[in-house]
Amino acid sequence: HRIQDIRDKTQVLEVQGAKVGLKINVTKKKLI
């Protein structure tokens, strides 16, 4: 419901994903 929560989730997702070699591809991601 809140944009700050999406920011926090995105940041944590990047950190946790990096631990197993996954990376967010910014060119394929969209925000609505």
PDB file of all heavy atoms in Angstrom:
ATOM      1  N   HIS A   1       0.821  -1.207   0.000  1.00  0.00           N
ATOM      2  CA  HIS A   1       0.000   0.000   0.000  1.00  0.00           C
ATOM      3  C   HIS A   1       0.859   1.263   0.000  1.00  0.00           C
ATOM      4  O   HIS A   1       0.403   2.315  -0.413  1.00  0.00           O
ATOM      5  CB  HIS A   1      -0.915   0.027   1.236  1.00  0.00           C
ATOM      6  CG  HIS A   1      -2.021  -0.966   1.185  1.00  0.00           C
ATOM      7  ND1 HIS A   1      -3.100  -0.846   0.346  1.00  0.00           N
ATOM      8  CD2 HIS A   1      -2.198  -2.130   1.846  1.00  0.00           C
ATOM      9  CE1 HIS A   1      -3.913  -1.865   0.506  1.00  0.00           C
ATOM     10  NE2 HIS A   1      -3.385  -2.671   1.408  1.00  0.00           N
ATOM     11  N   ARG A   2       2.092   1.158   0.470  1.00  0.00           N
ATOM     12  CA  ARG A   2       2.951   2.340   0.602  1.00  0.00           C
ATOM     13  C   ARG A   2       4.184   2.223  -0.275  1.00  0.00           C
ATOM     14  O   ARG A   2       4.801   1.158  -0.358  1.00  0.00           O
ATOM     15  CB  ARG A   2       3.392   2.514   2.060  1.00  0.00           C
ATOM     16  CG  ARG A   2       2.263   2.737   3.022  1.00  0.00           C
ATOM     17  CD  ARG A   2       2.682   2.805   4.489  1.00  0.00           C
ATOM     18  NE  ARG A   2       4.024   2.341   4.764  1.00  0.00           N
ATOM     19  CZ  ARG A   2       4.945   3.070   5.394  1.00  0.00           C
ATOM     20  NH1 ARG A   2       4.683   4.272   5.828  1.00  0.00           N
ATOM     21  NH2 ARG A   2       6.147   2.576   5.624  1.00  0.00           N
ATOM     22  N   ILE A   3       4.584   3.329  -0.899  1.00  0.00           N
ATOM     23  CA  ILE A   3       5.759   3.348  -1.773  1.00  0.00           C
ATOM     24  C   ILE A   3       7.029   3.072  -0.979  1.00  0.00           C
ATOM     25  O   ILE A   3       7.945   2.410  -1.477  1.00  0.00           O
ATOM     26  CB  ILE A   3       5.863   4.681  -2.569  1.00  0.00           C
ATOM     27  CG1 ILE A   3       6.928   4.582  -3.651  1.00  0.00           C
ATOM     28  CG2 ILE A   3       6.154   5.841  -1.644  1.00  0.00           C
ATOM     29  CD1 ILE A   3       6.613   3.669  -4.774  1.00  0.00           C
ATOM     30  N   GLN A   4       7.104   3.529   0.268  1.00  0.00           N
ATOM     31  CA  GLN A   4       8.293   3.271   1.078  1.00  0.00           C
ATOM     32  C   GLN A   4       8.470   1.774   1.320  1.00  0.00           C
ATOM     33  O   GLN A   4       9.588   1.268   1.323  1.00  0.00           O
ATOM     34  CB  GLN A   4       8.237   4.025   2.418  1.00  0.00           C
ATOM     35  CG  GLN A   4       9.510   3.893   3.228  1.00  0.00           C
ATOM     36  CD  GLN A   4      10.750   4.373   2.464  1.00  0.00           C
ATOM     37  OE1 GLN A   4      10.753   5.450   1.874  1.00  0.00           O
ATOM     38  NE2 GLN A   4      11.814   3.578   2.466  1.00  0.00           N
ATOM     39  N   ASP A   5       7.365   1.059   1.487  1.00  0.00           N
ATOM     40  CA  ASP A   5       7.455  -0.391   1.664  1.00  0.00           C
ATOM     41  C   ASP A   5       7.978  -1.064   0.401  1.00  0.00           C
ATOM     42  O   ASP A   5       8.755  -2.019   0.473  1.00  0.00           O
ATOM     43  CB  ASP A   5       6.092  -0.977   2.043  1.00  0.00           C
ATOM     44  CG  ASP A   5       5.635  -0.543   3.424  1.00  0.00           C
ATOM     45  OD1 ASP A   5       6.494  -0.189   4.260  1.00  0.00           O
ATOM     46  OD2 ASP A   5       4.411  -0.552   3.669  1.00  0.00           O
ATOM     47  N   ILE A   6       7.573  -0.570  -0.773  1.00  0.00           N
ATOM     48  CA  ILE A   6       8.083  -1.130  -2.034  1.00  0.00           C
ATOM     49  C   ILE A   6       9.578  -0.850  -2.155  1.00  0.00           C
ATOM     50  O   ILE A   6      10.349  -1.710  -2.576  1.00  0.00           O
ATOM     51  CB  ILE A   6       7.319  -0.570  -3.254  1.00  0.00           C
ATOM     52  CG1 ILE A   6       5.880  -1.100  -3.262  1.00  0.00           C
ATOM     53  CG2 ILE A   6       8.028  -0.896  -4.554  1.00  0.00           C
ATOM     54  CD1 ILE A   6       5.774  -2.600  -3.498  1.00  0.00           C
ATOM     55  N   ARG A   7      10.003   0.354  -1.775  1.00  0.00           N
ATOM     56  CA  ARG A   7      11.435   0.676  -1.797  1.00  0.00           C
ATOM     57  C   ARG A   7      12.215  -0.277  -0.892  1.00  0.00           C
ATOM     58  O   ARG A   7      13.243  -0.817  -1.275  1.00  0.00           O
ATOM     59  CB  ARG A   7      11.668   2.110  -1.338  1.00  0.00           C
ATOM     60  CG  ARG A   7      11.356   3.133  -2.364  1.00  0.00           C
ATOM     61  CD  ARG A   7      11.867   4.500  -1.910  1.00  0.00           C
ATOM     62  NE  ARG A   7      11.278   5.499  -2.740  1.00  0.00           N
ATOM     63  CZ  ARG A   7      10.369   6.385  -2.346  1.00  0.00           C
ATOM     64  NH1 ARG A   7       9.963   6.415  -1.094  1.00  0.00           N
ATOM     65  NH2 ARG A   7       9.880   7.260  -3.190  1.00  0.00           N
ATOM     66  N   ASP A   8      11.704  -0.470   0.322  1.00  0.00           N
ATOM     67  CA  ASP A   8      12.376  -1.360   1.267  1.00  0.00           C
ATOM     68  C   ASP A   8      12.414  -2.788   0.736  1.00  0.00           C
ATOM     69  O   ASP A   8      13.444  -3.456   0.814  1.00  0.00           O
ATOM     70  CB  ASP A   8      11.674  -1.325   2.630  1.00  0.00           C
ATOM     71  CG  ASP A   8      11.779   0.032   3.316  1.00  0.00           C
ATOM     72  OD1 ASP A   8      12.641   0.855   2.914  1.00  0.00           O
ATOM     73  OD2 ASP A   8      10.981   0.278   4.243  1.00  0.00           O
ATOM     74  N   LYS A   9      11.292  -3.264   0.195  1.00  0.00           N
ATOM     75  CA  LYS A   9      11.234  -4.622  -0.351  1.00  0.00           C
ATOM     76  C   LYS A   9      12.221  -4.785  -1.499  1.00  0.00           C
ATOM     77  O   LYS A   9      12.907  -5.811  -1.596  1.00  0.00           O
ATOM     78  CB  LYS A   9       9.825  -4.931  -0.869  1.00  0.00           C
ATOM     79  CG  LYS A   9       8.835  -5.256   0.193  1.00  0.00           C
ATOM     80  CD  LYS A   9       7.513  -5.588  -0.485  1.00  0.00           C
ATOM     81  CE  LYS A   9       6.509  -6.072   0.505  1.00  0.00           C
ATOM     82  NZ  LYS A   9       5.288  -6.543  -0.135  1.00  0.00           N
ATOM     83  N   THR A  10      12.289  -3.798  -2.373  1.00  0.00           N
ATOM     84  CA  THR A  10      13.198  -3.867  -3.517  1.00  0.00           C
ATOM     85  C   THR A  10      14.639  -3.934  -3.052  1.00  0.00           C
ATOM     86  O   THR A  10      15.441  -4.728  -3.567  1.00  0.00           O
ATOM     87  CB  THR A  10      12.981  -2.661  -4.452  1.00  0.00           C
ATOM     88  OG1 THR A  10      11.611  -2.634  -4.853  1.00  0.00           O
ATOM     89  CG2 THR A  10      13.861  -2.744  -5.674  1.00  0.00           C
ATOM     90  N   GLN A  11      14.980  -3.127  -2.056  1.00  0.00           N
ATOM     91  CA  GLN A  11      16.346  -3.116  -1.539  1.00  0.00           C
ATOM     92  C   GLN A  11      16.701  -4.456  -0.897  1.00  0.00           C
ATOM     93  O   GLN A  11      17.760  -5.024  -1.159  1.00  0.00           O
ATOM     94  CB  GLN A  11      16.519  -1.983  -0.525  1.00  0.00           C
ATOM     95  CG  GLN A  11      17.925  -1.857  -0.007  1.00  0.00           C
ATOM     96  CD  GLN A  11      18.056  -0.699   0.967  1.00  0.00           C
ATOM     97  OE1 GLN A  11      17.079  -0.231   1.548  1.00  0.00           O
ATOM     98  NE2 GLN A  11      19.277  -0.239   1.157  1.00  0.00           N
ATOM     99  N   VAL A  12      15.814  -4.990  -0.079  1.00  0.00           N
ATOM    100  CA  VAL A  12      16.074  -6.278   0.575  1.00  0.00           C
ATOM    101  C   VAL A  12      16.118  -7.393  -0.460  1.00  0.00           C
ATOM    102  O   VAL A  12      16.937  -8.309  -0.364  1.00  0.00           O
ATOM    103  CB  VAL A  12      15.011  -6.559   1.660  1.00  0.00           C
ATOM    104  CG1 VAL A  12      15.140  -7.963   2.214  1.00  0.00           C
ATOM    105  CG2 VAL A  12      15.112  -5.543   2.782  1.00  0.00           C
ATOM    106  N   LEU A  13      15.261  -7.315  -1.483  1.00  0.00           N
ATOM    107  CA  LEU A  13      15.259  -8.314  -2.549  1.00  0.00           C
ATOM    108  C   LEU A  13      16.598  -8.322  -3.275  1.00  0.00           C
ATOM    109  O   LEU A  13      17.135  -9.387  -3.580  1.00  0.00           O
ATOM    110  CB  LEU A  13      14.124  -8.031  -3.536  1.00  0.00           C
ATOM    111  CG  LEU A  13      13.923  -9.043  -4.647  1.00  0.00           C
ATOM    112  CD1 LEU A  13      13.437 -10.368  -4.087  1.00  0.00           C
ATOM    113  CD2 LEU A  13      12.925  -8.508  -5.663  1.00  0.00           C
ATOM    114  N   GLU A  14      17.157  -7.143  -3.527  1.00  0.00           N
ATOM    115  CA  GLU A  14      18.478  -7.054  -4.165  1.00  0.00           C
ATOM    116  C   GLU A  14      19.555  -7.709  -3.308  1.00  0.00           C
ATOM    117  O   GLU A  14      20.370  -8.484  -3.812  1.00  0.00           O
ATOM    118  CB  GLU A  14      18.869  -5.593  -4.403  1.00  0.00           C
ATOM    119  CG  GLU A  14      18.435  -5.048  -5.706  1.00  0.00           C
ATOM    120  CD  GLU A  14      19.082  -3.713  -5.991  1.00  0.00           C
ATOM    121  OE1 GLU A  14      18.949  -2.776  -5.183  1.00  0.00           O
ATOM    122  OE2 GLU A  14      19.731  -3.614  -7.046  1.00  0.00           O
ATOM    123  N   VAL A  15      19.548  -7.424  -2.014  1.00  0.00           N
ATOM    124  CA  VAL A  15      20.565  -7.959  -1.110  1.00  0.00           C
ATOM    125  C   VAL A  15      20.441  -9.477  -1.007  1.00  0.00           C
ATOM    126  O   VAL A  15      21.431 -10.198  -1.158  1.00  0.00           O
ATOM    127  CB  VAL A  15      20.449  -7.305   0.291  1.00  0.00           C
ATOM    128  CG1 VAL A  15      21.316  -8.021   1.309  1.00  0.00           C
ATOM    129  CG2 VAL A  15      20.802  -5.831   0.215  1.00  0.00           C
ATOM    130  N   GLN A  16      19.234  -9.978  -0.774  1.00  0.00           N
ATOM    131  CA  GLN A  16      19.033 -11.421  -0.625  1.00  0.00           C
ATOM    132  C   GLN A  16      19.298 -12.145  -1.945  1.00  0.00           C
ATOM    133  O   GLN A  16      19.875 -13.222  -1.956  1.00  0.00           O
ATOM    134  CB  GLN A  16      17.618 -11.729  -0.129  1.00  0.00           C
ATOM    135  CG  GLN A  16      17.360 -11.304   1.301  1.00  0.00           C
ATOM    136  CD  GLN A  16      18.267 -11.987   2.291  1.00  0.00           C
ATOM    137  OE1 GLN A  16      19.249 -11.405   2.736  1.00  0.00           O
ATOM    138  NE2 GLN A  16      17.973 -13.212   2.633  1.00  0.00           N
ATOM    139  N   GLY A  17      18.865 -11.576  -3.052  1.00  0.00           N
ATOM    140  CA  GLY A  17      19.099 -12.190  -4.353  1.00  0.00           C
ATOM    141  C   GLY A  17      20.574 -12.297  -4.679  1.00  0.00           C
ATOM    142  O   GLY A  17      21.030 -13.297  -5.231  1.00  0.00           O
ATOM    143  N   ALA A  18      21.342 -11.274  -4.322  1.00  0.00           N
ATOM    144  CA  ALA A  18      22.785 -11.281  -4.586  1.00  0.00           C
ATOM    145  C   ALA A  18      23.472 -12.422  -3.857  1.00  0.00           C
ATOM    146  O   ALA A  18      24.479 -12.948  -4.333  1.00  0.00           O
ATOM    147  CB  ALA A  18      23.399  -9.943  -4.189  1.00  0.00           C
ATOM    148  N   LYS A  19      22.937 -12.847  -2.738  1.00  0.00           N
ATOM    149  CA  LYS A  19      23.541 -13.940  -1.973  1.00  0.00           C
ATOM    150  C   LYS A  19      23.537 -15.255  -2.739  1.00  0.00           C
ATOM    151  O   LYS A  19      24.359 -16.115  -2.487  1.00  0.00           O
ATOM    152  CB  LYS A  19      22.828 -14.118  -0.637  1.00  0.00           C
ATOM    153  CG  LYS A  19      23.076 -12.982   0.330  1.00  0.00           C
ATOM    154  CD  LYS A  19      22.325 -13.197   1.621  1.00  0.00           C
ATOM    155  CE  LYS A  19      22.587 -12.052   2.592  1.00  0.00           C
ATOM    156  NZ  LYS A  19      21.842 -12.252   3.848  1.00  0.00           N
ATOM    157  N   VAL A  20      22.591 -15.412  -3.664  1.00  0.00           N
ATOM    158  CA  VAL A  20      22.530 -16.646  -4.461  1.00  0.00           C
ATOM    159  C   VAL A  20      22.793 -16.366  -5.938  1.00  0.00           C
ATOM    160  O   VAL A  20      22.508 -17.185  -6.798  1.00  0.00           O
ATOM    161  CB  VAL A  20      21.181 -17.389  -4.281  1.00  0.00           C
ATOM    162  CG1 VAL A  20      21.053 -17.938  -2.885  1.00  0.00           C
ATOM    163  CG2 VAL A  20      20.002 -16.503  -4.650  1.00  0.00           C
ATOM    164  N   GLY A  21      23.308 -15.166  -6.235  1.00  0.00           N
ATOM    165  CA  GLY A  21      23.703 -14.848  -7.602  1.00  0.00           C
ATOM    166  C   GLY A  21      22.598 -14.281  -8.472  1.00  0.00           C
ATOM    167  O   GLY A  21      22.757 -14.200  -9.683  1.00  0.00           O
ATOM    168  N   LEU A  22      21.473 -13.874  -7.889  1.00  0.00           N
ATOM    169  CA  LEU A  22      20.390 -13.277  -8.663  1.00  0.00           C
ATOM    170  C   LEU A  22      20.493 -11.760  -8.611  1.00  0.00           C
ATOM    171  O   LEU A  22      20.856 -11.190  -7.587  1.00  0.00           O
ATOM    172  CB  LEU A  22      19.028 -13.734  -8.124  1.00  0.00           C
ATOM    173  CG  LEU A  22      18.758 -15.229  -8.167  1.00  0.00           C
ATOM    174  CD1 LEU A  22      17.407 -15.533  -7.533  1.00  0.00           C
ATOM    175  CD2 LEU A  22      18.807 -15.749  -9.589  1.00  0.00           C
ATOM    176  N   LYS A  23      20.151 -11.118  -9.715  1.00  0.00           N
ATOM    177  CA  LYS A  23      20.267  -9.667  -9.825  1.00  0.00           C
ATOM    178  C   LYS A  23      19.011  -9.111 -10.481  1.00  0.00           C
ATOM    179  O   LYS A  23      18.495  -9.703 -11.431  1.00  0.00           O
ATOM    180  CB  LYS A  23      21.495  -9.330 -10.672  1.00  0.00           C
ATOM    181  CG  LYS A  23      21.768  -7.883 -10.831  1.00  0.00           C
ATOM    182  CD  LYS A  23      23.026  -7.681 -11.655  1.00  0.00           C
ATOM    183  CE  LYS A  23      23.211  -6.224 -11.991  1.00  0.00           C
ATOM    184  NZ  LYS A  23      24.323  -6.018 -12.901  1.00  0.00           N
ATOM    185  N   ILE A  24      18.520  -7.985  -9.997  1.00  0.00           N
ATOM    186  CA  ILE A  24      17.350  -7.334 -10.589  1.00  0.00           C
ATOM    187  C   ILE A  24      17.793  -6.622 -11.863  1.00  0.00           C
ATOM    188  O   ILE A  24      18.722  -5.829 -11.855  1.00  0.00           O
ATOM    189  CB  ILE A  24      16.723  -6.321  -9.607  1.00  0.00           C
ATOM    190  CG1 ILE A  24      16.159  -7.053  -8.387  1.00  0.00           C
ATOM    191  CG2 ILE A  24      15.632  -5.512 -10.305  1.00  0.00           C
ATOM    192  CD1 ILE A  24      15.628  -6.132  -7.300  1.00  0.00           C
ATOM    193  N   ASN A  25      17.120  -6.917 -12.961  1.00  0.00           N
ATOM    194  CA  ASN A  25      17.408  -6.267 -14.238  1.00  0.00           C
ATOM    195  C   ASN A  25      16.486  -5.056 -14.357  1.00  0.00           C
ATOM    196  O   ASN A  25      15.296  -5.196 -14.616  1.00  0.00           O
ATOM    197  CB  ASN A  25      17.171  -7.244 -15.388  1.00  0.00           C
ATOM    198  CG  ASN A  25      17.520  -6.657 -16.729  1.00  0.00           C
ATOM    199  OD1 ASN A  25      17.571  -5.442 -16.899  1.00  0.00           O
ATOM    200  ND2 ASN A  25      17.753  -7.519 -17.697  1.00  0.00           N
ATOM    201  N   VAL A  26      17.035  -3.874 -14.179  1.00  0.00           N
ATOM    202  CA  VAL A  26      16.226  -2.656 -14.134  1.00  0.00           C
ATOM    203  C   VAL A  26      15.518  -2.383 -15.464  1.00  0.00           C
ATOM    204  O   VAL A  26      14.447  -1.777 -15.488  1.00  0.00           O
ATOM    205  CB  VAL A  26      17.065  -1.439 -13.669  1.00  0.00           C
ATOM    206  CG1 VAL A  26      18.016  -0.992 -14.753  1.00  0.00           C
ATOM    207  CG2 VAL A  26      16.184  -0.290 -13.241  1.00  0.00           C
ATOM    208  N   THR A  27      16.071  -2.856 -16.580  1.00  0.00           N
ATOM    209  CA  THR A  27      15.427  -2.599 -17.880  1.00  0.00           C
ATOM    210  C   THR A  27      14.155  -3.415 -18.067  1.00  0.00           C
ATOM    211  O   THR A  27      13.334  -3.073 -18.905  1.00  0.00           O
ATOM    212  CB  THR A  27      16.390  -2.895 -19.047  1.00  0.00           C
ATOM    213  OG1 THR A  27      16.757  -4.275 -19.016  1.00  0.00           O
ATOM    214  CG2 THR A  27      17.637  -2.036 -18.960  1.00  0.00           C
ATOM    215  N   LYS A  28      13.990  -4.473 -17.304  1.00  0.00           N
ATOM    216  CA  LYS A  28      12.796  -5.309 -17.425  1.00  0.00           C
ATOM    217  C   LYS A  28      11.769  -5.049 -16.330  1.00  0.00           C
ATOM    218  O   LYS A  28      10.701  -5.635 -16.330  1.00  0.00           O
ATOM    219  CB  LYS A  28      13.188  -6.794 -17.389  1.00  0.00           C
ATOM    220  CG  LYS A  28      14.003  -7.226 -18.578  1.00  0.00           C
ATOM    221  CD  LYS A  28      14.290  -8.704 -18.488  1.00  0.00           C
ATOM    222  CE  LYS A  28      15.065  -9.192 -19.686  1.00  0.00           C
ATOM    223  NZ  LYS A  28      15.321 -10.632 -19.606  1.00  0.00           N
ATOM    224  N   LYS A  29      12.087  -4.199 -15.379  1.00  0.00           N
ATOM    225  CA  LYS A  29      11.198  -3.954 -14.243  1.00  0.00           C
ATOM    226  C   LYS A  29      10.337  -2.732 -14.486  1.00  0.00           C
ATOM    227  O   LYS A  29      10.770  -1.763 -15.094  1.00  0.00           O
ATOM    228  CB  LYS A  29      11.996  -3.754 -12.954  1.00  0.00           C
ATOM    229  CG  LYS A  29      12.886  -4.921 -12.629  1.00  0.00           C
ATOM    230  CD  LYS A  29      12.090  -6.199 -12.550  1.00  0.00           C
ATOM    231  CE  LYS A  29      12.961  -7.406 -12.627  1.00  0.00           C
ATOM    232  NZ  LYS A  29      12.440  -8.476 -13.416  1.00  0.00           N
ATOM    233  N   LYS A  30       9.106  -2.782 -13.975  1.00  0.00           N
ATOM    234  CA  LYS A  30       8.158  -1.680 -14.113  1.00  0.00           C
ATOM    235  C   LYS A  30       7.532  -1.394 -12.755  1.00  0.00           C
ATOM    236  O   LYS A  30       7.374  -2.286 -11.937  1.00  0.00           O
ATOM    237  CB  LYS A  30       7.046  -2.024 -15.108  1.00  0.00           C
ATOM    238  CG  LYS A  30       7.530  -2.500 -16.461  1.00  0.00           C
ATOM    239  CD  LYS A  30       8.181  -1.403 -17.254  1.00  0.00           C
ATOM    240  CE  LYS A  30       8.624  -1.919 -18.607  1.00  0.00           C
ATOM    241  NZ  LYS A  30       9.931  -1.494 -18.975  1.00  0.00           N
ATOM    242  N   LEU A  31       7.149  -0.153 -12.566  1.00  0.00           N
ATOM    243  CA  LEU A  31       6.458   0.279 -11.356  1.00  0.00           C
ATOM    244  C   LEU A  31       5.121   0.854 -11.777  1.00  0.00           C
ATOM    245  O   LEU A  31       5.047   1.664 -12.710  1.00  0.00           O
ATOM    246  CB  LEU A  31       7.275   1.348 -10.622  1.00  0.00           C
ATOM    247  CG  LEU A  31       6.604   2.039  -9.443  1.00  0.00           C
ATOM    248  CD1 LEU A  31       6.410   1.062  -8.298  1.00  0.00           C
ATOM    249  CD2 LEU A  31       7.416   3.243  -8.987  1.00  0.00           C
ATOM    250  N   ILE A  32       4.064   0.422 -11.127  1.00  0.00           N
ATOM    251  CA  ILE A  32       2.744   0.990 -11.394  1.00  0.00           C
ATOM    252  C   ILE A  32       2.102   1.329 -10.056  1.00  0.00           C
ATOM    253  O   ILE A  32       2.206   0.583  -9.094  1.00  0.00           O
ATOM    254  CB  ILE A  32       1.860   0.027 -12.220  1.00  0.00           C
ATOM    255  CG1 ILE A  32       0.594   0.738 -12.681  1.00  0.00           C
ATOM    256  CG2 ILE A  32       1.544  -1.230 -11.456  1.00  0.00           C
ATOM    257  CD1 ILE A  32      -0.178  -0.012 -13.742  1.00  0.00           C
TER     258      ILE A  32
END
